[in-house]
Amino acid sequence: MGELRAYAALFGAQTRSVLSYRTSFVVELFGNMGATVFDVITVLVLFRATPQVGGFTLAQAVLMVGLSSAGFALADMLVGNVDRLKTYVRAGTLDAVLVRPLPALPQLLLMDLPLRKALRVVFGFTVLTGAVVMNDIDWTPARVVLIVVTPLAAAAFFGSIFVISATLAFWWVDSGEIGSAFTYGGRDFTSYPITVYGAGFRGLFAYAMGFGFVAYQPALALLGRADPLGLPAVAGYLSPLVALAAAAVAACVWRTGIRHYRSTGS
């Protein structure tokens, strides 16, 4: 209970800090929505040139981008600020976090919780809702559960990628661009049917790293479509397990990084 009060105090302090500059907060609130808006616009522009991409229609592709955008926006708001770890390591700020009687990762997440990204989350789920309306989905109890669980599993998966990429700062402080390739690059990868990618690239990112289970496979299950690449129908329901595996890897990498860290002594 004491830890919960401490976390609540950190969150309250962060909220008061953000809301003390209300005009700036509102501007950032709408400005941060731009990335998700452009993801959707890019898909719409692409389909102006062709009725199908990778064997999928516009409505089906919007379902994929909706699942991906909703999950990524939620992860980016709740976990994305962990990529500031490299700044804390370089400045020695992390030392102050480690001496407190609380786990380091939750503290880092609450030190700079980007509430300004909340509208991006709303927009992502709005796109997903619109995509569900656009597609003629044969609703079953399994698909109802899937449409609820998939964005949450996507958020857990992307959150794990954020943590893993940020943890590289314990070994290499200037690793930000490499981390972004897997976080924001992963978001872009999951916004399209994976059938548009080459076999080698697809095999690495979609299957070996699990990005294909964020939106593509769940979308196939919701649409009742067989996978053109040959995976069984059950693959569409594996996103929670893939997210759990990613979280386990992230926890292991984080613990290893914390043990590796050596204080600045300042």
Protein backbone atom coordinates (compact mmCIF):
# COMPACT_ATOMS: atom_id res chain seq x y z
CA MET A 1 0.00 0.00 0.00
CA GLY A 2 2.87 2.36 0.75
CA GLU A 3 4.30 1.82 -2.74
CA LEU A 4 0.94 2.61 -4.31
CA ARG A 5 0.76 5.89 -2.38
CA ALA A 6 4.27 6.76 -3.53
CA TYR A 7 3.38 6.05 -7.17
CA ALA A 8 0.17 8.04 -6.80
CA ALA A 9 2.17 10.97 -5.43
CA LEU A 10 4.57 10.80 -8.39
CA PHE A 11 1.67 10.68 -10.83
CA GLY A 12 -0.09 13.56 -9.07
CA ALA A 13 3.05 15.71 -9.14
CA GLN A 14 3.52 14.97 -12.83
CA THR A 15 -0.11 15.84 -13.61
CA ARG A 16 0.05 19.12 -11.71
CA SER A 17 3.29 20.02 -13.46
CA VAL A 18 1.79 19.42 -16.90
CA LEU A 19 -1.50 21.19 -16.23
CA SER A 20 0.20 24.25 -14.77
CA TYR A 21 0.84 25.38 -18.38
CA ARG A 22 -2.58 24.70 -19.83
CA THR A 23 -2.19 26.40 -23.19
CA SER A 24 1.06 24.57 -23.87
CA PHE A 25 -0.56 21.31 -22.78
CA VAL A 26 -3.52 21.76 -25.16
CA VAL A 27 -1.23 22.62 -28.08
CA GLU A 28 0.93 19.56 -27.42
CA LEU A 29 -2.20 17.44 -26.93
CA PHE A 30 -3.36 18.14 -30.48
CA GLY A 31 0.15 18.26 -31.94
CA ASN A 32 1.00 14.78 -30.71
CA MET A 33 -2.02 13.37 -32.50
CA GLY A 34 -0.33 14.14 -35.81
CA ALA A 35 1.79 10.98 -36.02
CA THR A 36 -1.23 8.67 -35.82
CA VAL A 37 -3.21 10.85 -38.21
CA PHE A 38 -0.44 10.64 -40.80
CA ASP A 39 -0.28 6.84 -40.43
CA VAL A 40 -3.92 6.65 -41.46
CA ILE A 41 -3.56 9.26 -44.22
CA THR A 42 -0.62 7.33 -45.68
CA VAL A 43 -2.77 4.21 -46.00
CA LEU A 44 -5.62 6.19 -47.60
CA VAL A 45 -3.27 7.80 -50.11
CA LEU A 46 -1.76 4.43 -50.97
CA PHE A 47 -5.18 2.99 -51.78
CA ARG A 48 -6.01 5.87 -54.10
CA ALA A 49 -3.57 4.33 -56.56
CA THR A 50 -4.81 0.74 -56.33
CA PRO A 51 -7.94 -1.06 -55.07
CA GLN A 52 -5.87 -3.69 -53.24
CA VAL A 53 -2.47 -3.83 -51.56
CA GLY A 54 -0.93 -7.20 -50.82
CA GLY A 55 -4.30 -8.83 -51.54
CA PHE A 56 -6.23 -6.69 -49.04
CA THR A 57 -8.85 -3.98 -49.55
CA LEU A 58 -8.84 -0.53 -47.99
CA ALA A 59 -11.31 -1.50 -45.26
CA GLN A 60 -9.22 -4.53 -44.30
CA ALA A 61 -6.01 -2.50 -44.27
CA VAL A 62 -7.65 0.16 -42.08
CA LEU A 63 -8.51 -2.58 -39.59
CA MET A 64 -4.82 -3.48 -39.40
CA VAL A 65 -3.69 0.12 -39.02
CA GLY A 66 -6.41 0.65 -36.40
CA LEU A 67 -5.23 -2.28 -34.29
CA SER A 68 -1.62 -1.18 -34.63
CA SER A 69 -2.27 2.52 -33.97
CA ALA A 70 -4.45 1.91 -30.92
CA GLY A 71 -1.91 -0.42 -29.34
CA PHE A 72 1.12 1.70 -30.18
CA ALA A 73 -0.47 4.96 -29.01
CA LEU A 74 -1.38 3.38 -25.67
CA ALA A 75 2.13 1.96 -25.23
CA ASP A 76 3.74 5.24 -26.26
CA MET A 77 1.74 7.17 -23.66
CA LEU A 78 2.31 4.71 -20.81
CA VAL A 79 5.82 3.43 -21.53
CA GLY A 80 7.30 5.47 -24.39
CA ASN A 81 9.02 7.99 -22.14
CA VAL A 82 11.39 5.24 -20.99
CA ASP A 83 13.46 6.15 -24.04
CA ARG A 84 14.66 9.13 -21.95
CA LEU A 85 16.76 6.63 -20.02
CA LYS A 86 19.80 7.54 -22.11
CA THR A 87 19.47 11.13 -20.89
CA TYR A 88 19.21 10.02 -17.27
CA VAL A 89 22.26 7.74 -17.64
CA ARG A 90 24.33 10.48 -19.27
CA ALA A 91 23.34 13.13 -16.69
CA GLY A 92 23.61 10.82 -13.68
CA THR A 93 19.92 11.36 -12.80
CA LEU A 94 19.38 7.62 -12.70
CA ASP A 95 21.47 7.41 -9.52
CA ALA A 96 18.78 9.30 -7.59
CA VAL A 97 16.14 6.89 -8.88
CA LEU A 98 18.10 3.80 -7.84
CA VAL A 99 18.63 4.91 -4.23
CA ARG A 100 14.89 5.26 -3.61
CA PRO A 101 13.11 2.27 -2.02
CA LEU A 102 10.98 1.70 -5.13
CA PRO A 103 11.57 -0.28 -8.33
CA ALA A 104 13.38 1.84 -10.89
CA LEU A 105 11.25 1.21 -13.97
CA PRO A 106 7.89 2.38 -12.55
CA GLN A 107 9.61 5.50 -11.22
CA LEU A 108 11.05 6.30 -14.64
CA LEU A 109 7.66 5.85 -16.29
CA LEU A 110 5.96 8.19 -13.81
CA MET A 111 8.71 10.82 -13.81
CA ASP A 112 7.64 12.09 -17.20
CA LEU A 113 4.34 10.43 -18.07
CA PRO A 114 3.39 12.07 -21.39
CA LEU A 115 -0.26 12.91 -20.76
CA ARG A 116 -0.03 15.14 -23.84
CA LYS A 117 -0.26 11.94 -25.90
CA ALA A 118 -3.72 11.06 -24.55
CA LEU A 119 -5.53 12.40 -27.61
CA ARG A 120 -3.40 10.15 -29.81
CA VAL A 121 -4.76 7.17 -27.89
CA VAL A 122 -8.33 8.41 -28.38
CA PHE A 123 -7.73 8.86 -32.11
CA GLY A 124 -6.17 5.40 -32.43
CA PHE A 125 -9.18 3.72 -30.85
CA THR A 126 -11.49 5.89 -32.95
CA VAL A 127 -9.78 4.61 -36.11
CA LEU A 128 -10.15 1.06 -34.82
CA THR A 129 -13.86 1.61 -34.14
CA GLY A 130 -14.33 3.01 -37.64
CA ALA A 131 -12.47 0.04 -39.12
CA VAL A 132 -14.76 -2.40 -37.30
CA VAL A 133 -17.78 -0.59 -38.77
CA MET A 134 -16.27 -0.61 -42.27
CA ASN A 135 -15.76 -4.39 -42.29
CA ASP A 136 -18.52 -6.96 -42.30
CA ILE A 137 -17.30 -9.04 -39.36
CA ASP A 138 -19.15 -12.21 -38.40
CA TRP A 139 -19.11 -11.70 -34.64
CA THR A 140 -18.58 -14.71 -32.42
CA PRO A 141 -17.69 -14.75 -28.70
CA ALA A 142 -14.06 -15.47 -29.63
CA ARG A 143 -13.89 -12.49 -31.98
CA VAL A 144 -15.49 -10.18 -29.43
CA VAL A 145 -12.79 -11.13 -26.94
CA LEU A 146 -10.15 -10.78 -29.67
CA ILE A 147 -11.12 -7.20 -30.61
CA VAL A 148 -10.88 -6.20 -26.94
CA VAL A 149 -7.67 -8.04 -26.13
CA THR A 150 -5.67 -7.33 -29.29
CA PRO A 151 -5.05 -3.57 -28.72
CA LEU A 152 -4.05 -4.29 -25.11
CA ALA A 153 -1.72 -7.08 -26.23
CA ALA A 154 -0.30 -4.75 -28.89
CA ALA A 155 0.31 -2.12 -26.22
CA ALA A 156 2.10 -4.68 -24.03
CA PHE A 157 4.19 -5.82 -27.02
CA PHE A 158 5.18 -2.30 -28.08
CA GLY A 159 5.80 -1.36 -24.45
CA SER A 160 8.22 -4.28 -24.17
CA ILE A 161 10.01 -3.12 -27.32
CA PHE A 162 10.31 0.37 -25.81
CA VAL A 163 11.87 -1.06 -22.65
CA ILE A 164 14.26 -3.34 -24.54
CA SER A 165 15.46 -0.58 -26.88
CA ALA A 166 15.83 1.92 -24.02
CA THR A 167 17.86 -0.56 -21.98
CA LEU A 168 20.57 -0.45 -24.65
CA ALA A 169 21.57 2.87 -23.07
CA PHE A 170 23.17 0.94 -20.19
CA TRP A 171 25.79 -0.30 -22.68
CA TRP A 172 25.61 2.39 -25.38
CA VAL A 173 24.28 5.81 -24.43
CA ASP A 174 23.88 6.95 -28.05
CA SER A 175 21.69 4.01 -29.04
CA GLY A 176 18.53 6.08 -29.59
CA GLU A 177 18.37 5.73 -33.38
CA ILE A 178 18.73 1.96 -33.18
CA GLY A 179 15.94 1.82 -30.60
CA SER A 180 13.67 3.97 -32.76
CA ALA A 181 14.15 1.58 -35.67
CA PHE A 182 12.40 -1.12 -33.66
CA THR A 183 9.78 1.00 -31.88
CA TYR A 184 8.58 3.52 -34.46
CA GLY A 185 9.81 1.30 -37.29
CA GLY A 186 7.82 -1.55 -35.79
CA ARG A 187 4.73 0.64 -35.71
CA ASP A 188 5.14 1.39 -39.42
CA PHE A 189 5.75 -2.28 -40.21
CA THR A 190 2.53 -3.39 -38.50
CA SER A 191 0.42 -0.74 -40.23
CA TYR A 192 0.39 -2.69 -43.51
CA PRO A 193 -0.40 -6.26 -44.55
CA ILE A 194 2.82 -8.19 -44.17
CA THR A 195 2.25 -9.74 -47.59
CA VAL A 196 3.71 -6.53 -49.08
CA TYR A 197 7.16 -7.27 -47.61
CA GLY A 198 9.86 -9.53 -48.98
CA ALA A 199 10.21 -13.05 -47.59
CA GLY A 200 13.46 -12.42 -45.69
CA PHE A 201 12.35 -9.12 -44.18
CA ARG A 202 8.96 -10.60 -43.33
CA GLY A 203 10.49 -13.68 -41.73
CA LEU A 204 12.71 -11.58 -39.45
CA PHE A 205 10.30 -8.89 -38.30
CA ALA A 206 6.89 -10.56 -38.62
CA TYR A 207 7.70 -13.98 -37.23
CA ALA A 208 11.11 -14.07 -35.53
CA MET A 209 10.46 -10.78 -33.71
CA GLY A 210 6.68 -11.20 -33.46
CA PHE A 211 5.46 -8.01 -35.18
CA GLY A 212 3.17 -10.03 -37.46
CA PHE A 213 1.02 -10.95 -34.44
CA VAL A 214 0.35 -7.33 -33.44
CA ALA A 215 -2.26 -6.50 -36.09
CA TYR A 216 -1.97 -8.68 -39.21
CA GLN A 217 -2.80 -12.08 -37.73
CA PRO A 218 -5.57 -10.76 -35.40
CA ALA A 219 -7.09 -8.89 -38.37
CA LEU A 220 -7.20 -12.13 -40.37
CA ALA A 221 -8.98 -13.87 -37.50
CA LEU A 222 -11.51 -11.03 -37.18
CA LEU A 223 -12.16 -11.04 -40.93
CA GLY A 224 -12.38 -14.83 -41.11
CA ARG A 225 -9.70 -14.90 -43.82
CA ALA A 226 -7.16 -17.64 -44.32
CA ASP A 227 -3.56 -16.47 -44.13
CA PRO A 228 -2.16 -16.14 -47.69
CA LEU A 229 1.22 -17.06 -46.23
CA GLY A 230 -0.05 -20.36 -44.85
CA LEU A 231 -0.19 -19.96 -41.05
CA PRO A 232 -3.12 -21.75 -39.37
CA ALA A 233 -6.18 -19.80 -38.20
CA VAL A 234 -5.15 -20.17 -34.56
CA ALA A 235 -2.26 -17.77 -35.23
CA GLY A 236 -4.75 -14.90 -35.12
CA TYR A 237 -5.38 -15.55 -31.43
CA LEU A 238 -1.72 -15.73 -30.34
CA SER A 239 -1.14 -12.00 -29.80
CA PRO A 240 -1.49 -12.20 -25.97
CA LEU A 241 1.06 -15.02 -25.82
CA VAL A 242 3.47 -13.15 -28.09
CA ALA A 243 3.05 -10.04 -25.93
CA LEU A 244 3.70 -12.10 -22.79
CA ALA A 245 6.88 -13.53 -24.31
CA ALA A 246 8.03 -10.03 -25.30
CA ALA A 247 7.36 -8.78 -21.77
CA ALA A 248 9.39 -11.65 -20.31
CA VAL A 249 12.32 -10.80 -22.60
CA ALA A 250 12.02 -7.11 -21.70
CA ALA A 251 12.05 -7.91 -17.97
CA CYS A 252 15.16 -10.06 -18.38
CA VAL A 253 16.97 -7.43 -20.46
CA TRP A 254 15.99 -4.68 -17.99
CA ARG A 255 17.28 -6.62 -14.98
CA THR A 256 20.53 -7.36 -16.80
CA GLY A 257 20.92 -3.69 -17.72
CA ILE A 258 20.31 -2.50 -14.16
CA ARG A 259 22.94 -4.93 -12.86
CA HIS A 260 25.35 -3.76 -15.54
CA TYR A 261 24.89 -0.06 -14.71
CA ARG A 262 27.69 1.65 -12.83
CA SER A 263 26.92 4.85 -10.98
CA THR A 264 28.41 8.13 -12.17
CA GLY A 265 29.38 8.80 -8.58
CA SER A 266 27.88 12.29 -8.76
